[in-house]
Protein backbone atom coordinates (compact mmCIF):
# COMPACT_ATOMS: atom_id res chain seq x y z
CA MET A 1 257.38 215.39 142.96
CA THR A 2 256.13 213.23 140.00
CA LYS A 3 258.82 212.66 137.37
CA ILE A 4 257.85 212.72 133.74
CA LEU A 5 260.16 211.57 130.95
CA PHE A 6 259.22 212.69 127.40
CA THR A 7 260.95 210.93 124.62
CA GLY A 8 261.32 212.85 121.31
CA ALA A 9 261.23 216.13 123.19
CA THR A 10 262.42 218.22 120.25
CA GLY A 11 259.33 217.39 118.19
CA LEU A 12 256.34 219.55 117.76
CA LEU A 13 254.38 217.91 120.63
CA GLY A 14 257.38 218.09 122.85
CA LYS A 15 257.70 221.77 122.40
CA TYR A 16 254.14 222.47 123.54
CA PHE A 17 254.19 219.79 126.34
CA ILE A 18 257.31 221.50 127.81
CA ALA A 19 255.73 224.95 127.59
CA LYS A 20 252.51 223.76 129.26
CA LYS A 21 254.09 221.93 132.25
CA PRO A 22 252.08 222.51 135.44
CA PRO A 23 253.83 223.03 138.75
CA LYS A 24 254.71 220.07 140.90
CA TYR A 25 256.14 217.95 138.09
CA ARG A 26 259.70 217.29 137.17
CA LEU A 27 260.20 216.94 133.54
CA PHE A 28 262.99 215.22 131.64
CA GLY A 29 263.28 214.77 127.95
CA THR A 30 265.28 212.90 125.24
CA PHE A 31 266.33 213.76 121.80
CA TYR A 32 268.10 211.94 119.00
CA LYS A 33 269.65 214.61 116.82
CA ASN A 34 271.23 217.90 117.95
CA SER A 35 268.88 219.53 120.39
CA THR A 36 268.11 223.25 120.61
CA ILE A 37 266.81 222.74 124.11
CA SER A 38 269.07 224.39 126.72
CA GLU A 39 267.50 222.72 129.79
CA ASN A 40 269.69 220.53 131.90
CA ASN A 41 267.18 217.66 132.19
CA PHE A 42 267.42 216.68 128.52
CA TYR A 43 269.44 213.84 127.21
CA LYS A 44 270.49 212.36 123.88
CA LEU A 45 269.14 208.85 123.41
CA ASP A 46 268.91 206.27 120.67
CA ILE A 47 265.70 204.39 121.66
CA ALA A 48 266.92 201.50 119.36
CA ASP A 49 269.67 200.83 121.83
CA ARG A 50 268.03 198.79 124.64
CA ASN A 51 270.95 199.16 127.03
CA ALA A 52 271.09 202.87 126.67
CA VAL A 53 267.34 203.13 127.28
CA LEU A 54 267.49 201.04 130.40
CA THR A 55 270.44 202.83 131.81
CA LEU A 56 268.82 206.31 131.28
CA PHE A 57 265.52 205.14 132.69
CA LYS A 58 267.21 203.66 135.81
CA ASN A 59 269.09 206.89 136.37
CA ILE A 60 265.99 209.08 136.08
CA LYS A 61 263.43 206.75 137.60
CA PRO A 62 260.43 208.45 135.93
CA ASP A 63 256.97 207.76 137.22
CA ILE A 64 255.44 208.32 133.68
CA VAL A 65 257.06 208.01 130.29
CA VAL A 66 255.45 209.92 127.38
CA HIS A 67 256.80 208.03 124.40
CA ALA A 68 256.67 210.26 121.40
CA ALA A 69 260.06 209.53 119.76
CA SER A 70 259.49 208.08 116.41
CA LEU A 71 260.12 208.23 112.71
CA GLY A 72 257.05 210.20 111.62
CA ASN A 73 257.73 211.16 108.00
CA VAL A 74 255.29 208.98 106.14
CA ASP A 75 257.08 208.88 102.83
CA TYR A 76 260.51 208.39 104.41
CA CYS A 77 259.09 205.34 106.37
CA GLU A 78 257.75 203.96 103.15
CA SER A 79 261.13 204.04 101.50
CA HIS A 80 263.17 203.08 104.60
CA LYS A 81 261.06 200.27 106.04
CA ASN A 82 263.83 198.64 108.05
CA GLU A 83 264.75 201.91 109.76
CA ALA A 84 261.12 202.67 110.44
CA HIS A 85 260.66 199.21 112.01
CA THR A 86 263.85 199.67 114.08
CA VAL A 87 262.76 203.04 115.48
CA ASN A 88 259.00 202.69 115.79
CA VAL A 89 258.77 199.08 116.82
CA ILE A 90 262.08 197.95 118.35
CA GLY A 91 262.36 201.50 119.97
CA THR A 92 258.91 201.11 121.54
CA GLN A 93 259.78 197.57 122.71
CA ASN A 94 262.92 198.86 124.39
CA VAL A 95 261.01 201.72 126.12
CA LEU A 96 258.34 199.29 127.28
CA TYR A 97 261.02 196.92 128.62
CA ALA A 98 262.56 199.70 130.65
CA CYS A 99 259.20 200.93 131.90
CA ARG A 100 258.51 197.42 133.15
CA ILE A 101 261.83 197.14 134.91
CA ILE A 102 261.48 200.49 136.77
CA GLY A 103 257.60 200.32 137.19
CA ALA A 104 256.77 203.41 135.10
CA LYS A 105 253.48 204.01 133.25
CA ILE A 106 253.65 204.66 129.50
CA ILE A 107 251.66 207.12 127.53
CA PHE A 108 252.21 206.01 123.95
CA THR A 109 251.52 208.52 121.09
CA SER A 110 249.95 206.81 118.09
CA THR A 111 248.42 208.17 115.01
CA ASN A 112 245.37 208.52 112.69
CA ALA A 113 247.42 206.53 110.17
CA VAL A 114 246.44 203.26 111.91
CA TYR A 115 243.10 203.59 110.20
CA ASP A 116 242.40 202.88 106.45
CA GLY A 117 240.28 205.93 105.81
CA LYS A 118 237.30 204.07 104.34
CA LYS A 119 234.83 204.28 107.31
CA ALA A 120 235.18 207.62 109.07
CA PRO A 121 234.53 208.90 111.62
CA TYR A 122 236.81 206.62 113.66
CA SER A 123 236.18 205.88 117.35
CA GLU A 124 238.65 204.17 119.70
CA LYS A 125 236.82 200.88 118.96
CA SER A 126 237.20 201.18 115.19
CA PRO A 127 239.26 198.41 113.62
CA VAL A 128 242.97 199.22 113.04
CA LYS A 129 243.89 198.75 109.36
CA PRO A 130 246.89 200.86 108.40
CA LEU A 131 247.60 201.42 104.74
CA ASP A 132 251.28 202.72 104.84
CA GLU A 133 254.44 201.65 106.56
CA TYR A 134 254.38 204.41 109.13
CA GLY A 135 250.87 203.45 110.17
CA LYS A 136 251.85 199.79 110.22
CA THR A 137 254.73 200.46 112.61
CA LYS A 138 252.58 202.54 115.00
CA ALA A 139 249.87 199.87 115.02
CA GLU A 140 252.55 197.32 115.86
CA GLY A 141 253.72 199.61 118.66
CA GLU A 142 250.14 199.78 119.97
CA LYS A 143 250.07 195.95 120.09
CA LEU A 144 253.30 195.86 122.04
CA VAL A 145 251.91 198.30 124.56
CA LEU A 146 248.68 196.34 125.07
CA LYS A 147 250.46 193.05 125.74
CA SER A 148 253.30 194.54 127.69
CA LYS A 149 251.80 194.32 131.27
CA VAL A 150 252.81 197.99 131.78
CA SER A 151 250.18 200.48 132.85
CA TYR A 152 249.40 202.48 129.70
CA ILE A 153 247.57 205.16 127.81
CA ILE A 154 247.43 204.97 123.98
CA LEU A 155 246.75 208.34 122.33
CA ARG A 156 245.88 208.27 118.66
CA LEU A 157 246.73 211.90 117.70
CA MET A 158 245.40 213.45 114.52
CA THR A 159 247.75 215.31 112.16
CA MET A 160 249.10 218.15 114.32
CA TYR A 161 250.05 221.72 113.51
CA GLY A 162 251.85 224.55 115.40
CA TRP A 163 255.17 226.30 115.50
CA PRO A 164 257.87 223.76 115.37
CA GLN A 165 261.14 223.75 117.36
CA LYS A 166 263.88 225.74 115.79
CA GLY A 167 265.40 223.38 113.12
CA GLY A 168 262.43 220.96 113.65
CA ARG A 169 260.34 219.22 111.04
CA ASN A 170 257.57 221.35 109.59
CA ASN A 171 253.83 220.43 109.65
CA PRO A 172 250.98 221.27 107.18
CA VAL A 173 250.20 224.71 108.61
CA GLY A 174 253.87 225.74 108.92
CA TRP A 175 254.54 224.70 105.38
CA ILE A 176 251.51 226.58 103.89
CA ILE A 177 252.60 229.70 105.89
CA GLU A 178 256.17 229.47 104.70
CA GLU A 179 255.13 228.95 101.04
CA LEU A 180 252.64 231.78 100.98
CA GLU A 181 254.84 234.23 102.79
CA ASN A 182 257.46 233.64 100.09
CA LYS A 183 254.86 234.19 97.35
CA ARG A 184 255.31 230.70 96.03
CA LYS A 185 252.56 228.92 94.17
CA LEU A 186 251.52 225.63 95.69
CA ASN A 187 249.42 222.65 94.91
CA VAL A 188 247.31 221.47 97.83
CA VAL A 189 245.48 218.18 98.12
CA SER A 190 241.74 218.43 98.22
CA ASP A 191 240.57 214.86 98.74
CA ILE A 192 242.27 213.93 101.97
CA TYR A 193 240.25 214.71 105.14
CA ASN A 194 241.38 215.09 108.73
CA ASN A 195 240.28 216.98 111.76
CA TYR A 196 243.56 218.76 112.28
CA LEU A 197 244.81 219.07 115.82
CA TYR A 198 246.47 222.09 117.31
CA ALA A 199 249.59 220.73 119.11
CA GLY A 200 249.03 223.04 122.11
CA GLN A 201 245.68 221.45 122.88
CA ALA A 202 247.18 217.97 122.32
CA ALA A 203 249.74 218.87 125.05
CA GLU A 204 246.94 220.17 127.36
CA VAL A 205 245.08 216.86 126.94
CA ILE A 206 248.18 214.87 127.83
CA TRP A 207 248.79 216.88 130.97
CA LYS A 208 245.14 216.43 131.94
CA ILE A 209 245.44 212.64 131.53
CA ILE A 210 248.55 212.67 133.71
CA GLN A 211 246.84 214.84 136.38
CA LYS A 212 243.73 212.66 136.45
CA ASN A 213 245.91 209.50 136.72
CA LYS A 214 244.11 207.74 133.88
CA LYS A 215 245.49 204.27 132.88
CA ASN A 216 244.81 201.36 130.50
CA GLU A 217 242.72 203.45 128.14
CA ILE A 218 242.89 204.53 124.43
CA TYR A 219 241.82 208.01 123.41
CA ASN A 220 241.45 209.53 119.97
CA ILE A 221 242.45 213.25 120.02
CA ALA A 222 241.72 215.68 117.23
CA GLY A 223 240.29 219.07 116.39
CA SER A 224 236.55 219.65 115.98
CA GLU A 225 236.38 219.99 112.21
CA CYS A 226 236.60 217.40 109.51
CA ILE A 227 238.08 219.24 106.52
CA ASN A 228 240.40 218.61 103.62
CA ARG A 229 243.85 219.90 103.19
CA PHE A 230 242.92 222.63 100.76
CA GLU A 231 240.16 223.91 103.02
CA LEU A 232 242.79 224.01 105.84
CA ALA A 233 245.02 225.98 103.59
CA LEU A 234 242.30 228.59 102.81
CA LYS A 235 241.76 229.05 106.62
CA VAL A 236 245.47 229.50 107.08
CA ALA A 237 245.53 232.28 104.40
CA LYS A 238 242.62 234.04 105.99
CA VAL A 239 243.97 234.00 109.53
CA PHE A 240 247.53 235.04 108.53
CA ASN A 241 246.45 237.47 105.92
CA LEU A 242 248.13 235.70 103.05
CA ASP A 243 247.20 235.34 99.35
CA PRO A 244 244.85 232.34 98.70
CA SER A 245 245.13 232.89 94.92
CA LEU A 246 248.54 231.25 95.11
CA MET A 247 247.10 227.94 95.93
CA MET A 248 245.56 225.34 93.60
CA PRO A 249 243.46 222.31 94.69
CA VAL A 250 244.58 218.99 93.32
CA LYS A 251 243.78 215.35 93.76
CA SER A 252 246.21 213.22 95.80
CA THR A 253 247.00 211.27 92.54
CA PHE A 254 248.75 214.49 91.44
CA PHE A 255 251.69 213.64 93.63
CA LYS A 256 253.43 210.58 92.17
CA GLY A 257 255.50 208.05 94.21
CA LEU A 258 254.20 208.99 97.64
CA ALA A 259 253.12 206.51 100.26
CA PRO A 260 249.43 205.59 100.07
CA ARG A 261 247.28 208.00 102.19
CA PRO A 262 243.97 207.10 103.75
CA LYS A 263 241.31 209.34 102.26
CA ASN A 264 239.44 210.26 105.50
CA THR A 265 240.70 209.44 109.03
CA CYS A 266 238.59 211.94 110.88
CA PHE A 267 237.88 211.04 114.43
CA ASP A 268 234.82 210.53 116.57
CA THR A 269 236.10 212.39 119.66
CA LYS A 270 233.06 211.83 121.99
CA LYS A 271 235.16 209.81 124.48
CA ILE A 272 237.87 212.42 125.06
CA GLU A 273 235.29 215.23 125.29
CA ARG A 274 233.08 213.27 127.73
CA VAL A 275 235.92 212.07 129.99
CA PHE A 276 237.74 215.35 130.23
CA LYS A 277 234.94 217.86 129.59
CA PHE A 278 237.13 219.21 126.77
CA LYS A 279 235.93 221.64 124.07
CA LEU A 280 238.14 220.78 121.15
CA HIS A 281 239.42 223.66 119.07
CA SER A 282 238.06 224.38 115.57
CA VAL A 283 240.85 225.07 112.95
CA ALA A 284 240.23 228.95 113.19
CA GLU A 285 240.60 228.77 117.02
CA GLY A 286 243.90 226.73 116.70
CA LEU A 287 245.26 229.07 114.02
CA LYS A 288 244.37 232.11 116.13
CA LYS A 289 246.35 230.60 118.99
CA MET A 290 249.32 230.09 116.60
CA LYS A 291 248.97 233.76 115.51
CA ASP A 292 248.88 234.98 119.09
CA GLU A 293 252.11 233.06 119.80
CA GLN A 294 253.80 234.62 116.83
CA GLU A 295 252.86 238.07 118.04
CA ALA A 296 253.69 237.49 121.68
């Protein structure tokens, strides 16, 4: 039975990855803060501790490591650069070291933040030019993977949405729903463009990559629509029957003191669609799946 170890299993992607596990795989996970996961195969791990990483990896002996553990809050990374480097760069270095020792393949989750947002749409061959500290640490992580001599997949994941784990960090859609349900007025950026990715489909793609035994490739994964954050918010209000009049479009300059955001990091997804025959979800399709989950 193939053993999969997922670092950062209490994040949004981890939740959907666990839920979509096919038969014939044995799944292990790690978390850093208190976990709400009740399964036995999940372990607390500080990826910045090389000895702890190696000990756990030797005990589990995974065939594949999905490395999703990171500091992902863009503004936090900007104001805590040393911590961001320790977790996102040194942590990745430690995971790669352990993978090399035990002979595991790595699936490294990267981000649209490795692009500067000036020449969308971005393919896997587009130049990596991050603007903010988070993007810089993930780009550094990618470089470590490429020179590690470990079999790899690098996944550049677009900004994701879905229902987070209990107590987990929120995402754009979850935040919009929460604010509108509580009848709070909100300002939503109208000049930042992404093709937002439903986390459930991201998890399906990763399982497909595992099943097809792909290696030494980079894939950009995103939804099918390139829209701005305000357009996303309007679609959320429509699907969840919430009041769109509570929302006001604003320019990104409205929010002072935040990390620099690339204006448009929409992906060219031809490669992932061609290789896996995948029909990527529109925002409406992804939101409908979220609504179905809520009502199940």
